[in-house]
């Protein structure tokens, strides 16, 4: 039952990742959740780091990075390489495999409401 893993508040944004095999959701609860599309939307991971609502998520298929932003005036960049389908069995066996924080950009004065990647 996926309801026990659900966000505790409204979902404000989402992004498909890893060739559509993962769904990333951001919420007023300040968390980002990663859902395994190929496994009945089972929760893969809860990414914790924001101090307020997550308003935007974007995923880079080239660099495998995830960027999140929100009401805490920060942009956080996470390493999403561990979300690859090839890593799913290993993730199931090792709960220490997580998306790690790569950059924390906290120079904004207000809400960061949208993000996009410019890839060449």
N, C-alpha and C. Protein backbone atom coordinates (compact mmCIF):
# COMPACT_ATOMS: atom_id res chain seq x y z
N UNK A 1 0.84 -1.18 0.00
CA UNK A 1 0.00 0.00 0.00
C UNK A 1 0.88 1.24 0.00
N UNK A 2 0.85 2.02 -1.09
CA UNK A 2 1.70 3.21 -1.22
C UNK A 2 1.24 4.37 -0.37
N UNK A 3 0.02 4.31 0.17
CA UNK A 3 -0.48 5.45 0.93
C UNK A 3 0.36 5.73 2.18
N UNK A 4 0.93 4.70 2.78
CA UNK A 4 1.73 4.92 3.98
C UNK A 4 3.01 5.68 3.67
N UNK A 5 3.45 5.64 2.43
CA UNK A 5 4.66 6.34 2.00
C UNK A 5 4.37 7.72 1.41
N UNK A 6 3.10 8.07 1.34
CA UNK A 6 2.69 9.30 0.65
C UNK A 6 3.20 10.55 1.36
N UNK A 7 3.19 11.64 0.61
CA UNK A 7 3.48 12.95 1.21
C UNK A 7 2.45 13.25 2.28
N UNK A 8 2.84 14.05 3.26
CA UNK A 8 1.93 14.43 4.33
C UNK A 8 1.20 15.73 4.04
N UNK A 9 1.46 16.31 2.87
CA UNK A 9 0.78 17.54 2.45
C UNK A 9 0.64 17.52 0.93
N UNK A 10 0.09 18.59 0.38
CA UNK A 10 -0.18 18.68 -1.05
C UNK A 10 1.08 18.53 -1.90
N UNK A 11 0.97 17.81 -3.00
CA UNK A 11 2.04 17.72 -3.99
C UNK A 11 1.94 18.95 -4.88
N UNK A 12 3.06 19.65 -5.06
CA UNK A 12 3.08 20.90 -5.82
C UNK A 12 3.78 20.78 -7.16
N UNK A 13 4.61 19.74 -7.34
CA UNK A 13 5.34 19.60 -8.59
C UNK A 13 5.76 18.15 -8.78
N UNK A 14 6.04 17.81 -10.02
CA UNK A 14 6.54 16.46 -10.31
C UNK A 14 7.40 16.51 -11.56
N UNK A 15 8.21 15.46 -11.72
CA UNK A 15 9.10 15.34 -12.88
C UNK A 15 9.36 13.86 -13.14
N UNK A 16 9.31 13.47 -14.40
CA UNK A 16 9.69 12.12 -14.79
C UNK A 16 11.20 12.07 -14.89
N UNK A 17 11.79 10.93 -14.51
CA UNK A 17 13.25 10.79 -14.56
C UNK A 17 13.61 9.38 -15.01
N UNK A 18 14.86 9.20 -15.35
CA UNK A 18 15.41 7.89 -15.73
C UNK A 18 14.58 7.23 -16.82
N UNK A 19 14.42 7.94 -17.92
CA UNK A 19 13.66 7.43 -19.07
C UNK A 19 12.23 7.04 -18.70
N UNK A 20 11.64 7.77 -17.78
CA UNK A 20 10.26 7.52 -17.40
C UNK A 20 10.06 6.40 -16.39
N UNK A 21 11.15 5.86 -15.84
CA UNK A 21 11.02 4.76 -14.87
C UNK A 21 10.92 5.26 -13.43
N UNK A 22 11.14 6.55 -13.22
CA UNK A 22 10.99 7.15 -11.89
C UNK A 22 10.12 8.39 -12.00
N UNK A 23 9.32 8.60 -10.97
CA UNK A 23 8.54 9.82 -10.85
C UNK A 23 8.99 10.52 -9.59
N UNK A 24 9.40 11.79 -9.73
CA UNK A 24 9.82 12.61 -8.60
C UNK A 24 8.67 13.55 -8.25
N UNK A 25 8.31 13.62 -6.97
CA UNK A 25 7.24 14.52 -6.54
C UNK A 25 7.75 15.41 -5.42
N UNK A 26 7.35 16.68 -5.48
CA UNK A 26 7.72 17.65 -4.44
C UNK A 26 6.46 18.17 -3.78
N UNK A 27 6.57 18.47 -2.48
CA UNK A 27 5.36 18.73 -1.71
C UNK A 27 5.53 19.89 -0.73
N UNK A 28 4.38 20.33 -0.22
CA UNK A 28 4.37 21.31 0.86
C UNK A 28 5.03 20.77 2.12
N UNK A 29 5.18 19.44 2.22
CA UNK A 29 5.82 18.85 3.40
C UNK A 29 7.34 18.99 3.37
N UNK A 30 7.89 19.62 2.34
CA UNK A 30 9.31 19.93 2.13
C UNK A 30 10.14 18.75 1.65
N UNK A 31 9.50 17.64 1.36
CA UNK A 31 10.21 16.45 0.88
C UNK A 31 10.05 16.25 -0.62
N UNK A 32 11.02 15.54 -1.19
CA UNK A 32 10.94 15.05 -2.56
C UNK A 32 10.88 13.53 -2.45
N UNK A 33 9.90 12.93 -3.10
CA UNK A 33 9.78 11.48 -3.07
C UNK A 33 10.04 10.94 -4.47
N UNK A 34 10.70 9.79 -4.50
CA UNK A 34 11.04 9.13 -5.76
C UNK A 34 10.26 7.82 -5.82
N UNK A 35 9.46 7.67 -6.87
CA UNK A 35 8.57 6.52 -7.02
C UNK A 35 9.05 5.66 -8.18
N UNK A 36 9.04 4.34 -7.99
CA UNK A 36 9.47 3.37 -9.00
C UNK A 36 8.27 3.03 -9.89
N UNK A 37 8.25 3.59 -11.07
CA UNK A 37 7.13 3.41 -12.00
C UNK A 37 6.97 1.94 -12.39
N UNK A 38 8.08 1.23 -12.55
CA UNK A 38 8.04 -0.16 -12.99
C UNK A 38 7.64 -1.13 -11.89
N UNK A 39 7.52 -0.67 -10.67
CA UNK A 39 7.21 -1.53 -9.54
C UNK A 39 5.98 -0.98 -8.79
N UNK A 40 4.91 -0.73 -9.55
CA UNK A 40 3.64 -0.27 -8.98
C UNK A 40 3.80 1.00 -8.14
N UNK A 41 4.69 1.89 -8.58
CA UNK A 41 4.94 3.18 -7.93
C UNK A 41 5.36 3.02 -6.46
N UNK A 42 6.17 2.01 -6.21
CA UNK A 42 6.73 1.82 -4.87
C UNK A 42 7.71 2.95 -4.57
N UNK A 43 7.72 3.40 -3.33
CA UNK A 43 8.64 4.47 -2.93
C UNK A 43 10.07 3.96 -2.96
N UNK A 44 10.93 4.64 -3.74
CA UNK A 44 12.35 4.31 -3.79
C UNK A 44 13.12 5.07 -2.72
N UNK A 45 12.74 6.34 -2.54
CA UNK A 45 13.52 7.18 -1.62
C UNK A 45 12.74 8.45 -1.30
N UNK A 46 12.95 8.95 -0.10
CA UNK A 46 12.51 10.29 0.27
C UNK A 46 13.75 11.14 0.39
N UNK A 47 13.83 12.17 -0.43
CA UNK A 47 14.97 13.08 -0.42
C UNK A 47 14.62 14.24 0.51
N UNK A 48 15.41 14.38 1.56
CA UNK A 48 15.15 15.38 2.60
C UNK A 48 16.24 16.44 2.54
N UNK A 49 15.86 17.69 2.65
CA UNK A 49 16.87 18.75 2.65
C UNK A 49 16.27 20.14 2.64
N UNK A 50 15.09 20.29 2.06
CA UNK A 50 14.45 21.61 2.05
C UNK A 50 13.79 21.88 3.39
N UNK A 51 13.69 23.17 3.72
CA UNK A 51 13.08 23.58 4.98
C UNK A 51 11.67 24.14 4.80
N UNK A 52 11.20 24.13 3.56
CA UNK A 52 9.85 24.62 3.24
C UNK A 52 9.38 23.91 1.98
N UNK A 53 8.19 24.26 1.50
CA UNK A 53 7.58 23.62 0.34
C UNK A 53 8.54 23.53 -0.84
N UNK A 54 8.50 22.39 -1.53
CA UNK A 54 9.25 22.20 -2.77
C UNK A 54 8.34 22.62 -3.91
N UNK A 55 8.77 23.62 -4.67
CA UNK A 55 7.94 24.20 -5.73
C UNK A 55 8.33 23.75 -7.13
N UNK A 56 9.54 23.24 -7.31
CA UNK A 56 10.00 22.87 -8.64
C UNK A 56 11.03 21.74 -8.56
N UNK A 57 10.94 20.83 -9.52
CA UNK A 57 11.91 19.75 -9.67
C UNK A 57 12.24 19.64 -11.14
N UNK A 58 13.50 19.41 -11.44
CA UNK A 58 13.89 19.11 -12.81
C UNK A 58 14.99 18.06 -12.79
N UNK A 59 15.02 17.26 -13.84
CA UNK A 59 15.98 16.16 -13.95
C UNK A 59 16.76 16.31 -15.25
N UNK A 60 18.06 16.12 -15.18
CA UNK A 60 18.90 16.17 -16.37
C UNK A 60 19.23 14.76 -16.84
N UNK A 61 18.72 14.35 -18.00
CA UNK A 61 19.04 13.02 -18.50
C UNK A 61 20.52 12.86 -18.87
N UNK A 62 21.21 13.96 -19.18
CA UNK A 62 22.63 13.87 -19.54
C UNK A 62 23.52 13.69 -18.32
N UNK A 63 23.35 14.54 -17.32
CA UNK A 63 24.22 14.48 -16.14
C UNK A 63 23.65 13.61 -15.03
N UNK A 64 22.38 13.22 -15.15
CA UNK A 64 21.68 12.44 -14.11
C UNK A 64 21.55 13.21 -12.80
N UNK A 65 21.53 14.53 -12.89
CA UNK A 65 21.36 15.38 -11.72
C UNK A 65 19.90 15.76 -11.56
N UNK A 66 19.49 15.94 -10.33
CA UNK A 66 18.15 16.41 -9.99
C UNK A 66 18.32 17.77 -9.33
N UNK A 67 17.55 18.75 -9.76
CA UNK A 67 17.55 20.05 -9.10
C UNK A 67 16.18 20.27 -8.49
N UNK A 68 16.17 20.75 -7.25
CA UNK A 68 14.92 21.03 -6.55
C UNK A 68 14.99 22.45 -6.00
N UNK A 69 13.83 23.10 -5.90
CA UNK A 69 13.80 24.47 -5.40
C UNK A 69 12.49 24.71 -4.68
N UNK A 70 12.49 25.74 -3.85
CA UNK A 70 11.25 25.99 -3.16
C UNK A 70 11.17 27.25 -2.34
N UNK A 71 10.26 27.21 -1.40
CA UNK A 71 9.92 28.36 -0.57
C UNK A 71 11.01 28.71 0.44
N UNK A 72 12.01 27.85 0.59
CA UNK A 72 13.11 28.15 1.50
C UNK A 72 14.22 28.95 0.81
N UNK A 73 13.94 29.41 -0.41
CA UNK A 73 14.86 30.27 -1.19
C UNK A 73 16.13 29.55 -1.61
N UNK A 74 16.11 28.24 -1.67
CA UNK A 74 17.30 27.50 -2.08
C UNK A 74 17.03 26.66 -3.32
N UNK A 75 18.11 26.40 -4.02
CA UNK A 75 18.13 25.39 -5.08
C UNK A 75 19.11 24.33 -4.61
N UNK A 76 18.68 23.10 -4.65
CA UNK A 76 19.54 21.99 -4.25
C UNK A 76 19.72 21.08 -5.46
N UNK A 77 20.96 20.66 -5.67
CA UNK A 77 21.28 19.76 -6.78
C UNK A 77 21.73 18.43 -6.18
N UNK A 78 21.08 17.36 -6.64
CA UNK A 78 21.29 16.02 -6.10
C UNK A 78 21.85 15.10 -7.17
N UNK A 79 22.68 14.16 -6.76
CA UNK A 79 23.19 13.14 -7.67
C UNK A 79 22.11 12.07 -7.84
N UNK A 80 21.56 11.95 -9.03
CA UNK A 80 20.49 11.00 -9.30
C UNK A 80 20.96 9.71 -9.96
N UNK A 81 22.26 9.48 -10.01
CA UNK A 81 22.76 8.28 -10.70
C UNK A 81 22.28 6.99 -10.03
N UNK A 82 22.01 7.04 -8.73
CA UNK A 82 21.59 5.83 -8.03
C UNK A 82 20.14 5.45 -8.32
N UNK A 83 19.43 6.27 -9.09
CA UNK A 83 18.04 5.97 -9.44
C UNK A 83 17.92 5.12 -10.70
N UNK A 84 19.03 4.86 -11.36
CA UNK A 84 19.01 4.07 -12.60
C UNK A 84 18.39 2.70 -12.35
N UNK A 85 17.69 2.20 -13.34
CA UNK A 85 17.04 0.89 -13.23
C UNK A 85 18.06 -0.18 -12.85
N UNK A 86 19.26 -0.09 -13.38
CA UNK A 86 20.31 -1.07 -13.09
C UNK A 86 20.71 -1.08 -11.62
N UNK A 87 20.39 -0.02 -10.89
CA UNK A 87 20.74 0.08 -9.46
C UNK A 87 19.61 -0.36 -8.54
N UNK A 88 18.43 -0.66 -9.08
CA UNK A 88 17.25 -0.91 -8.23
C UNK A 88 17.45 -2.11 -7.30
N UNK A 89 18.00 -3.21 -7.78
CA UNK A 89 18.21 -4.39 -6.93
C UNK A 89 19.23 -4.08 -5.84
N UNK A 90 20.27 -3.37 -6.21
CA UNK A 90 21.29 -3.01 -5.22
C UNK A 90 20.71 -2.07 -4.17
N UNK A 91 19.87 -1.12 -4.59
CA UNK A 91 19.22 -0.20 -3.64
C UNK A 91 18.34 -0.98 -2.67
N UNK A 92 17.66 -2.01 -3.17
CA UNK A 92 16.78 -2.81 -2.31
C UNK A 92 17.58 -3.54 -1.23
N UNK A 93 18.81 -3.91 -1.54
CA UNK A 93 19.66 -4.64 -0.59
C UNK A 93 20.45 -3.72 0.34
N UNK A 94 20.63 -2.47 -0.05
CA UNK A 94 21.47 -1.55 0.72
C UNK A 94 20.74 -0.23 0.92
N UNK A 95 20.16 -0.03 2.08
CA UNK A 95 19.38 1.19 2.35
C UNK A 95 20.26 2.43 2.43
N UNK A 96 21.57 2.26 2.41
CA UNK A 96 22.47 3.40 2.44
C UNK A 96 22.67 4.06 1.09
N UNK A 97 22.18 3.43 0.03
CA UNK A 97 22.30 4.03 -1.31
C UNK A 97 21.22 5.08 -1.45
N UNK A 98 21.63 6.33 -1.57
CA UNK A 98 20.71 7.47 -1.63
C UNK A 98 21.18 8.48 -2.68
N UNK A 99 20.29 9.39 -3.03
CA UNK A 99 20.67 10.54 -3.84
C UNK A 99 21.39 11.52 -2.92
N UNK A 100 22.64 11.79 -3.20
CA UNK A 100 23.41 12.68 -2.32
C UNK A 100 23.35 14.12 -2.81
N UNK A 101 23.43 15.04 -1.86
CA UNK A 101 23.43 16.47 -2.17
C UNK A 101 24.78 16.84 -2.79
N UNK A 102 24.73 17.47 -3.96
CA UNK A 102 25.94 17.87 -4.67
C UNK A 102 26.21 19.36 -4.48
N UNK A 103 25.15 20.17 -4.57
CA UNK A 103 25.27 21.62 -4.42
C UNK A 103 24.07 22.16 -3.65
N UNK A 104 24.32 23.16 -2.83
CA UNK A 104 23.26 23.88 -2.14
C UNK A 104 23.41 25.36 -2.48
N UNK A 105 22.50 25.88 -3.28
CA UNK A 105 22.58 27.27 -3.75
C UNK A 105 21.56 28.09 -2.95
N UNK A 106 22.06 28.86 -1.98
CA UNK A 106 21.14 29.54 -1.07
C UNK A 106 21.22 31.06 -1.13
N UNK A 107 21.57 31.63 -2.28
CA UNK A 107 21.71 33.06 -2.40
C UNK A 107 20.47 33.82 -2.81
N UNK A 108 19.34 33.16 -2.94
CA UNK A 108 18.11 33.82 -3.38
C UNK A 108 17.41 34.50 -2.21
N UNK A 109 16.65 35.55 -2.51
CA UNK A 109 15.95 36.31 -1.47
C UNK A 109 14.51 35.90 -1.28
N UNK A 110 13.98 35.14 -2.19
CA UNK A 110 12.57 34.75 -2.10
C UNK A 110 12.38 33.35 -2.64
N UNK A 111 11.12 33.00 -2.83
CA UNK A 111 10.78 31.68 -3.35
C UNK A 111 11.43 31.45 -4.71
N UNK A 112 11.93 30.26 -4.94
CA UNK A 112 12.39 29.84 -6.26
C UNK A 112 11.28 28.95 -6.81
N UNK A 113 10.61 29.43 -7.87
CA UNK A 113 9.37 28.78 -8.29
C UNK A 113 9.51 27.92 -9.54
N UNK A 114 10.59 28.05 -10.28
CA UNK A 114 10.73 27.22 -11.47
C UNK A 114 12.21 26.99 -11.78
N UNK A 115 12.48 25.84 -12.36
CA UNK A 115 13.84 25.46 -12.75
C UNK A 115 13.79 24.81 -14.11
N UNK A 116 14.89 24.90 -14.85
CA UNK A 116 15.04 24.17 -16.10
C UNK A 116 16.51 23.94 -16.35
N UNK A 117 16.85 22.86 -17.05
CA UNK A 117 18.23 22.59 -17.43
C UNK A 117 18.47 23.14 -18.82
N UNK A 118 19.63 23.72 -19.06
CA UNK A 118 20.08 24.09 -20.39
C UNK A 118 21.22 23.16 -20.73
N UNK A 119 20.95 22.17 -21.57
CA UNK A 119 21.97 21.18 -21.90
C UNK A 119 22.39 21.32 -23.35
N UNK A 120 23.67 21.07 -23.57
CA UNK A 120 24.17 21.20 -24.95
C UNK A 120 24.45 19.85 -25.55
